[in-house]
């Protein structure tokens, strides 16, 4: 399923498409509707860029168990290199 937001709607809310994608990703993430990875993908940002956006807006990063495991494994891999 695709979602199409018209140019008229973007003009009405005074946002560009990337701004709209970021704002909806942030909102859905804060509502626990998207994981960090999903929200980053939806917004078109990397996970690190998305986390920076959260920090700028003073939103907390929250992890579920699976995301925490993924982060720990990623840190272990970086430590091994």
PDB file of N, CA and C in Angstrom:
ATOM      1  N   UNK A   1       0.843  -1.182   0.000  1.00  0.00           N
ATOM      2  CA  UNK A   1       0.000   0.000   0.000  1.00  0.00           C
ATOM      3  C   UNK A   1       0.879   1.233   0.000  1.00  0.00           C
ATOM      4  N   UNK A   2       0.588   2.134  -0.843  1.00  0.00           N
ATOM      5  CA  UNK A   2       1.313   3.390  -0.890  1.00  0.00           C
ATOM      6  C   UNK A   2       0.435   4.518  -0.376  1.00  0.00           C
ATOM      7  N   UNK A   3       1.092   5.524   0.140  1.00  0.00           N
ATOM      8  CA  UNK A   3       0.381   6.705   0.618  1.00  0.00           C
ATOM      9  C   UNK A   3       0.854   7.886  -0.215  1.00  0.00           C
ATOM     10  N   UNK A   4      -0.090   8.619  -0.739  1.00  0.00           N
ATOM     11  CA  UNK A   4       0.261   9.779  -1.538  1.00  0.00           C
ATOM     12  C   UNK A   4      -0.239  11.042  -0.841  1.00  0.00           C
ATOM     13  N   UNK A   5       0.679  11.956  -0.606  1.00  0.00           N
ATOM     14  CA  UNK A   5       0.335  13.255  -0.022  1.00  0.00           C
ATOM     15  C   UNK A   5       0.466  14.277  -1.146  1.00  0.00           C
ATOM     16  N   UNK A   6      -0.595  14.956  -1.435  1.00  0.00           N
ATOM     17  CA  UNK A   6      -0.585  15.893  -2.561  1.00  0.00           C
ATOM     18  C   UNK A   6       0.266  17.122  -2.255  1.00  0.00           C
ATOM     19  N   UNK A   7       0.720  17.753  -3.318  1.00  0.00           N
ATOM     20  CA  UNK A   7       1.471  19.002  -3.164  1.00  0.00           C
ATOM     21  C   UNK A   7       0.604  20.057  -2.482  1.00  0.00           C
ATOM     22  N   UNK A   8      -0.689  20.052  -2.784  1.00  0.00           N
ATOM     23  CA  UNK A   8      -1.604  21.013  -2.158  1.00  0.00           C
ATOM     24  C   UNK A   8      -1.644  20.813  -0.643  1.00  0.00           C
ATOM     25  N   UNK A   9      -1.655  19.550  -0.205  1.00  0.00           N
ATOM     26  CA  UNK A   9      -1.670  19.268   1.231  1.00  0.00           C
ATOM     27  C   UNK A   9      -0.361  19.730   1.875  1.00  0.00           C
ATOM     28  N   UNK A  10       0.762  19.458   1.206  1.00  0.00           N
ATOM     29  CA  UNK A  10       2.055  19.900   1.750  1.00  0.00           C
ATOM     30  C   UNK A  10       2.114  21.419   1.845  1.00  0.00           C
ATOM     31  N   UNK A  11       1.578  22.099   0.834  1.00  0.00           N
ATOM     32  CA  UNK A  11       1.538  23.569   0.896  1.00  0.00           C
ATOM     33  C   UNK A  11       0.645  24.026   2.043  1.00  0.00           C
ATOM     34  N   UNK A  12      -0.471  23.341   2.250  1.00  0.00           N
ATOM     35  CA  UNK A  12      -1.413  23.715   3.309  1.00  0.00           C
ATOM     36  C   UNK A  12      -0.774  23.602   4.686  1.00  0.00           C
ATOM     37  N   UNK A  13       0.064  22.586   4.884  1.00  0.00           N
ATOM     38  CA  UNK A  13       0.722  22.418   6.178  1.00  0.00           C
ATOM     39  C   UNK A  13       2.097  23.093   6.215  1.00  0.00           C
ATOM     40  N   UNK A  14       2.448  23.743   5.097  1.00  0.00           N
ATOM     41  CA  UNK A  14       3.700  24.496   4.985  1.00  0.00           C
ATOM     42  C   UNK A  14       4.920  23.627   5.284  1.00  0.00           C
ATOM     43  N   UNK A  15       4.967  22.455   4.621  1.00  0.00           N
ATOM     44  CA  UNK A  15       6.075  21.520   4.797  1.00  0.00           C
ATOM     45  C   UNK A  15       6.511  20.984   3.442  1.00  0.00           C
ATOM     46  N   UNK A  16       7.775  20.635   3.392  1.00  0.00           N
ATOM     47  CA  UNK A  16       8.269  19.892   2.245  1.00  0.00           C
ATOM     48  C   UNK A  16       7.979  18.411   2.501  1.00  0.00           C
ATOM     49  N   UNK A  17       8.125  17.596   1.474  1.00  0.00           N
ATOM     50  CA  UNK A  17       7.907  16.158   1.684  1.00  0.00           C
ATOM     51  C   UNK A  17       8.866  15.580   2.722  1.00  0.00           C
ATOM     52  N   UNK A  18      10.191  15.901   2.669  1.00  0.00           N
ATOM     53  CA  UNK A  18      11.093  15.375   3.702  1.00  0.00           C
ATOM     54  C   UNK A  18      10.712  15.831   5.114  1.00  0.00           C
ATOM     55  N   UNK A  19      10.268  17.079   5.259  1.00  0.00           N
ATOM     56  CA  UNK A  19       9.844  17.564   6.578  1.00  0.00           C
ATOM     57  C   UNK A  19       8.623  16.795   7.067  1.00  0.00           C
ATOM     58  N   UNK A  20       7.673  16.555   6.162  1.00  0.00           N
ATOM     59  CA  UNK A  20       6.460  15.820   6.526  1.00  0.00           C
ATOM     60  C   UNK A  20       6.796  14.394   6.932  1.00  0.00           C
ATOM     61  N   UNK A  21       7.681  13.755   6.171  1.00  0.00           N
ATOM     62  CA  UNK A  21       8.078  12.388   6.495  1.00  0.00           C
ATOM     63  C   UNK A  21       8.759  12.333   7.861  1.00  0.00           C
ATOM     64  N   UNK A  22       9.630  13.315   8.137  1.00  0.00           N
ATOM     65  CA  UNK A  22      10.318  13.350   9.427  1.00  0.00           C
ATOM     66  C   UNK A  22       9.320  13.563  10.563  1.00  0.00           C
ATOM     67  N   UNK A  23       8.434  14.518  10.414  1.00  0.00           N
ATOM     68  CA  UNK A  23       7.465  14.807  11.477  1.00  0.00           C
ATOM     69  C   UNK A  23       6.558  13.619  11.750  1.00  0.00           C
ATOM     70  N   UNK A  24       6.095  12.947  10.700  1.00  0.00           N
ATOM     71  CA  UNK A  24       5.242  11.782  10.931  1.00  0.00           C
ATOM     72  C   UNK A  24       6.035  10.636  11.548  1.00  0.00           C
ATOM     73  N   UNK A  25       7.285  10.464  11.124  1.00  0.00           N
ATOM     74  CA  UNK A  25       8.128   9.411  11.710  1.00  0.00           C
ATOM     75  C   UNK A  25       8.368   9.682  13.195  1.00  0.00           C
ATOM     76  N   UNK A  26       8.670  10.921  13.541  1.00  0.00           N
ATOM     77  CA  UNK A  26       8.888  11.276  14.938  1.00  0.00           C
ATOM     78  C   UNK A  26       7.630  11.013  15.768  1.00  0.00           C
ATOM     79  N   UNK A  27       6.492  11.428  15.251  1.00  0.00           N
ATOM     80  CA  UNK A  27       5.237  11.242  15.978  1.00  0.00           C
ATOM     81  C   UNK A  27       4.930   9.762  16.165  1.00  0.00           C
ATOM     82  N   UNK A  28       5.055   8.986  15.089  1.00  0.00           N
ATOM     83  CA  UNK A  28       4.769   7.556  15.185  1.00  0.00           C
ATOM     84  C   UNK A  28       5.747   6.847  16.112  1.00  0.00           C
ATOM     85  N   UNK A  29       7.007   7.280  16.111  1.00  0.00           N
ATOM     86  CA  UNK A  29       7.995   6.705  17.019  1.00  0.00           C
ATOM     87  C   UNK A  29       7.637   7.013  18.473  1.00  0.00           C
ATOM     88  N   UNK A  30       7.287   8.248  18.754  1.00  0.00           N
ATOM     89  CA  UNK A  30       6.933   8.631  20.116  1.00  0.00           C
ATOM     90  C   UNK A  30       5.662   7.927  20.599  1.00  0.00           C
ATOM     91  N   UNK A  31       4.798   7.545  19.661  1.00  0.00           N
ATOM     92  CA  UNK A  31       3.571   6.819  20.003  1.00  0.00           C
ATOM     93  C   UNK A  31       3.813   5.308  20.087  1.00  0.00           C
ATOM     94  N   UNK A  32       5.076   4.883  19.945  1.00  0.00           N
ATOM     95  CA  UNK A  32       5.442   3.462  19.930  1.00  0.00           C
ATOM     96  C   UNK A  32       4.753   2.692  18.812  1.00  0.00           C
ATOM     97  N   UNK A  33       4.507   3.374  17.704  1.00  0.00           N
ATOM     98  CA  UNK A  33       3.909   2.729  16.534  1.00  0.00           C
ATOM     99  C   UNK A  33       4.982   2.251  15.564  1.00  0.00           C
ATOM    100  N   UNK A  34       6.178   2.867  15.628  1.00  0.00           N
ATOM    101  CA  UNK A  34       7.322   2.477  14.809  1.00  0.00           C
ATOM    102  C   UNK A  34       8.528   2.265  15.707  1.00  0.00           C
ATOM    103  N   UNK A  35       9.373   1.316  15.334  1.00  0.00           N
ATOM    104  CA  UNK A  35      10.646   1.165  16.033  1.00  0.00           C
ATOM    105  C   UNK A  35      11.581   2.268  15.567  1.00  0.00           C
ATOM    106  N   UNK A  36      12.706   2.375  16.222  1.00  0.00           N
ATOM    107  CA  UNK A  36      13.708   3.364  15.831  1.00  0.00           C
ATOM    108  C   UNK A  36      14.141   3.140  14.387  1.00  0.00           C
ATOM    109  N   UNK A  37      14.413   1.897  14.032  1.00  0.00           N
ATOM    110  CA  UNK A  37      14.847   1.585  12.667  1.00  0.00           C
ATOM    111  C   UNK A  37      13.754   1.902  11.648  1.00  0.00           C
ATOM    112  N   UNK A  38      12.524   1.542  11.964  1.00  0.00           N
ATOM    113  CA  UNK A  38      11.417   1.818  11.049  1.00  0.00           C
ATOM    114  C   UNK A  38      11.207   3.320  10.872  1.00  0.00           C
ATOM    115  N   UNK A  39      11.258   4.060  11.970  1.00  0.00           N
ATOM    116  CA  UNK A  39      11.064   5.507  11.907  1.00  0.00           C
ATOM    117  C   UNK A  39      12.175   6.169  11.107  1.00  0.00           C
ATOM    118  N   UNK A  40      13.395   5.714  11.312  1.00  0.00           N
ATOM    119  CA  UNK A  40      14.518   6.263  10.543  1.00  0.00           C
ATOM    120  C   UNK A  40      14.312   6.007   9.057  1.00  0.00           C
ATOM    121  N   UNK A  41      13.931   4.775   8.718  1.00  0.00           N
ATOM    122  CA  UNK A  41      13.683   4.435   7.305  1.00  0.00           C
ATOM    123  C   UNK A  41      12.569   5.293   6.732  1.00  0.00           C
ATOM    124  N   UNK A  42      11.453   5.411   7.455  1.00  0.00           N
ATOM    125  CA  UNK A  42      10.316   6.198   6.973  1.00  0.00           C
ATOM    126  C   UNK A  42      10.719   7.654   6.744  1.00  0.00           C
ATOM    127  N   UNK A  43      11.539   8.188   7.638  1.00  0.00           N
ATOM    128  CA  UNK A  43      11.935   9.592   7.531  1.00  0.00           C
ATOM    129  C   UNK A  43      12.965   9.830   6.437  1.00  0.00           C
ATOM    130  N   UNK A  44      13.612   8.758   5.965  1.00  0.00           N
ATOM    131  CA  UNK A  44      14.645   8.912   4.947  1.00  0.00           C
ATOM    132  C   UNK A  44      16.006   9.233   5.542  1.00  0.00           C
ATOM    133  N   UNK A  45      16.130   9.085   6.857  1.00  0.00           N
ATOM    134  CA  UNK A  45      17.386   9.373   7.542  1.00  0.00           C
ATOM    135  C   UNK A  45      18.053   8.068   7.968  1.00  0.00           C
ATOM    136  N   UNK A  46      19.332   8.163   8.280  1.00  0.00           N
ATOM    137  CA  UNK A  46      19.992   7.023   8.904  1.00  0.00           C
ATOM    138  C   UNK A  46      19.516   6.962  10.354  1.00  0.00           C
ATOM    139  N   UNK A  47      19.788   5.845  11.008  1.00  0.00           N
ATOM    140  CA  UNK A  47      19.396   5.735  12.422  1.00  0.00           C
ATOM    141  C   UNK A  47      20.074   6.807  13.257  1.00  0.00           C
ATOM    142  N   UNK A  48      21.359   7.053  12.988  1.00  0.00           N
ATOM    143  CA  UNK A  48      22.083   8.065  13.746  1.00  0.00           C
ATOM    144  C   UNK A  48      21.488   9.454  13.511  1.00  0.00           C
ATOM    145  N   UNK A  49      21.171   9.782  12.259  1.00  0.00           N
ATOM    146  CA  UNK A  49      20.558  11.084  11.970  1.00  0.00           C
ATOM    147  C   UNK A  49      19.205  11.215  12.669  1.00  0.00           C
ATOM    148  N   UNK A  50      18.433  10.129  12.658  1.00  0.00           N
ATOM    149  CA  UNK A  50      17.131  10.162  13.319  1.00  0.00           C
ATOM    150  C   UNK A  50      17.298  10.355  14.822  1.00  0.00           C
ATOM    151  N   UNK A  51      18.273   9.666  15.412  1.00  0.00           N
ATOM    152  CA  UNK A  51      18.534   9.830  16.843  1.00  0.00           C
ATOM    153  C   UNK A  51      18.951  11.267  17.163  1.00  0.00           C
ATOM    154  N   UNK A  52      19.704  11.877  16.277  1.00  0.00           N
ATOM    155  CA  UNK A  52      20.082  13.288  16.485  1.00  0.00           C
ATOM    156  C   UNK A  52      18.854  14.177  16.469  1.00  0.00           C
ATOM    157  N   UNK A  53      17.923  13.905  15.542  1.00  0.00           N
ATOM    158  CA  UNK A  53      16.670  14.672  15.503  1.00  0.00           C
ATOM    159  C   UNK A  53      15.901  14.513  16.809  1.00  0.00           C
ATOM    160  N   UNK A  54      15.872  13.296  17.331  1.00  0.00           N
ATOM    161  CA  UNK A  54      15.220  13.074  18.626  1.00  0.00           C
ATOM    162  C   UNK A  54      15.897  13.911  19.714  1.00  0.00           C
ATOM    163  N   UNK A  55      17.216  13.912  19.717  1.00  0.00           N
ATOM    164  CA  UNK A  55      17.954  14.659  20.744  1.00  0.00           C
ATOM    165  C   UNK A  55      17.709  16.159  20.627  1.00  0.00           C
ATOM    166  N   UNK A  56      17.711  16.674  19.411  1.00  0.00           N
ATOM    167  CA  UNK A  56      17.467  18.103  19.193  1.00  0.00           C
ATOM    168  C   UNK A  56      16.104  18.502  19.747  1.00  0.00           C
ATOM    169  N   UNK A  57      15.147  17.621  19.605  1.00  0.00           N
ATOM    170  CA  UNK A  57      13.784  17.899  20.068  1.00  0.00           C
ATOM    171  C   UNK A  57      13.546  17.453  21.506  1.00  0.00           C
ATOM    172  N   UNK A  58      14.610  16.973  22.143  1.00  0.00           N
ATOM    173  CA  UNK A  58      14.549  16.517  23.528  1.00  0.00           C
ATOM    174  C   UNK A  58      13.576  15.356  23.736  1.00  0.00           C
ATOM    175  N   UNK A  59      13.507  14.480  22.731  1.00  0.00           N
ATOM    176  CA  UNK A  59      12.739  13.244  22.841  1.00  0.00           C
ATOM    177  C   UNK A  59      13.701  12.136  23.238  1.00  0.00           C
ATOM    178  N   UNK A  60      13.224  11.198  23.988  1.00  0.00           N
ATOM    179  CA  UNK A  60      14.083  10.098  24.404  1.00  0.00           C
ATOM    180  C   UNK A  60      14.091   8.987  23.363  1.00  0.00           C
ATOM    181  N   UNK A  61      15.199   8.273  23.334  1.00  0.00           N
ATOM    182  CA  UNK A  61      15.304   7.080  22.512  1.00  0.00           C
ATOM    183  C   UNK A  61      14.870   5.917  23.383  1.00  0.00           C
ATOM    184  N   UNK A  62      13.966   5.117  22.895  1.00  0.00           N
ATOM    185  CA  UNK A  62      13.538   3.950  23.659  1.00  0.00           C
ATOM    186  C   UNK A  62      13.747   2.703  22.815  1.00  0.00           C
ATOM    187  N   UNK A  63      14.161   1.665  23.476  1.00  0.00           N
ATOM    188  CA  UNK A  63      14.465   0.404  22.819  1.00  0.00           C
ATOM    189  C   UNK A  63      13.552  -0.684  23.354  1.00  0.00           C
ATOM    190  N   UNK A  64      13.123  -1.558  22.458  1.00  0.00           N
ATOM    191  CA  UNK A  64      12.514  -2.783  22.950  1.00  0.00           C
ATOM    192  C   UNK A  64      13.648  -3.805  23.070  1.00  0.00           C
ATOM    193  N   UNK A  65      13.350  -4.958  23.578  1.00  0.00           N
ATOM    194  CA  UNK A  65      14.383  -5.967  23.840  1.00  0.00           C
ATOM    195  C   UNK A  65      15.155  -6.332  22.580  1.00  0.00           C
ATOM    196  N   UNK A  66      14.448  -6.522  21.475  1.00  0.00           N
ATOM    197  CA  UNK A  66      15.104  -6.905  20.225  1.00  0.00           C
ATOM    198  C   UNK A  66      16.027  -5.805  19.725  1.00  0.00           C
ATOM    199  N   UNK A  67      15.599  -4.549  19.801  1.00  0.00           N
ATOM    200  CA  UNK A  67      16.455  -3.440  19.374  1.00  0.00           C
ATOM    201  C   UNK A  67      17.689  -3.331  20.264  1.00  0.00           C
ATOM    202  N   UNK A  68      17.514  -3.527  21.551  1.00  0.00           N
ATOM    203  CA  UNK A  68      18.645  -3.481  22.466  1.00  0.00           C
ATOM    204  C   UNK A  68      19.650  -4.570  22.123  1.00  0.00           C
ATOM    205  N   UNK A  69      19.163  -5.780  21.852  1.00  0.00           N
ATOM    206  CA  UNK A  69      20.060  -6.870  21.437  1.00  0.00           C
ATOM    207  C   UNK A  69      20.825  -6.499  20.167  1.00  0.00           C
ATOM    208  N   UNK A  70      20.114  -5.921  19.212  1.00  0.00           N
ATOM    209  CA  UNK A  70      20.739  -5.512  17.953  1.00  0.00           C
ATOM    210  C   UNK A  70      21.840  -4.480  18.210  1.00  0.00           C
ATOM    211  N   UNK A  71      21.558  -3.504  19.044  1.00  0.00           N
ATOM    212  CA  UNK A  71      22.553  -2.468  19.365  1.00  0.00           C
ATOM    213  C   UNK A  71      23.772  -3.067  20.064  1.00  0.00           C
ATOM    214  N   UNK A  72      23.554  -3.989  20.984  1.00  0.00           N
ATOM    215  CA  UNK A  72      24.667  -4.625  21.696  1.00  0.00           C
ATOM    216  C   UNK A  72      25.536  -5.405  20.723  1.00  0.00           C
ATOM    217  N   UNK A  73      24.908  -6.148  19.807  1.00  0.00           N
ATOM    218  CA  UNK A  73      25.673  -6.897  18.799  1.00  0.00           C
ATOM    219  C   UNK A  73      26.467  -5.961  17.904  1.00  0.00           C
ATOM    220  N   UNK A  74      25.865  -4.851  17.501  1.00  0.00           N
ATOM    221  CA  UNK A  74      26.566  -3.882  16.664  1.00  0.00           C
ATOM    222  C   UNK A  74      27.767  -3.294  17.401  1.00  0.00           C
ATOM    223  N   UNK A  75      27.606  -3.010  18.680  1.00  0.00           N
ATOM    224  CA  UNK A  75      28.720  -2.482  19.475  1.00  0.00           C
ATOM    225  C   UNK A  75      29.823  -3.518  19.625  1.00  0.00           C
ATOM    226  N   UNK A  76      29.452  -4.768  19.793  1.00  0.00           N
ATOM    227  CA  UNK A  76      30.456  -5.835  19.899  1.00  0.00           C
ATOM    228  C   UNK A  76      31.257  -5.929  18.608  1.00  0.00           C
ATOM    229  N   UNK A  77      30.580  -5.850  17.467  1.00  0.00           N
ATOM    230  CA  UNK A  77      31.266  -5.917  16.176  1.00  0.00           C
ATOM    231  C   UNK A  77      32.236  -4.761  15.998  1.00  0.00           C
ATOM    232  N   UNK A  78      31.841  -3.581  16.390  1.00  0.00           N
ATOM    233  CA  UNK A  78      32.723  -2.403  16.287  1.00  0.00           C
ATOM    234  C   UNK A  78      33.927  -2.586  17.193  1.00  0.00           C
ATOM    235  N   UNK A  79      33.704  -3.138  18.363  1.00  0.00           N
ATOM    236  CA  UNK A  79      34.787  -3.369  19.304  1.00  0.00           C
ATOM    237  C   UNK A  79      35.775  -4.402  18.828  1.00  0.00           C
ATOM    238  N   UNK A  80      35.336  -5.332  17.994  1.00  0.00           N
ATOM    239  CA  UNK A  80      36.208  -6.384  17.499  1.00  0.00           C
ATOM    240  C   UNK A  80      37.082  -5.912  16.343  1.00  0.00           C
ATOM    241  N   UNK A  81      36.722  -4.858  15.691  1.00  0.00           N
ATOM    242  CA  UNK A  81      37.473  -4.387  14.513  1.00  0.00           C
ATOM    243  C   UNK A  81      38.642  -3.522  14.899  1.00  0.00           C
TER     244      UNK A  81
END
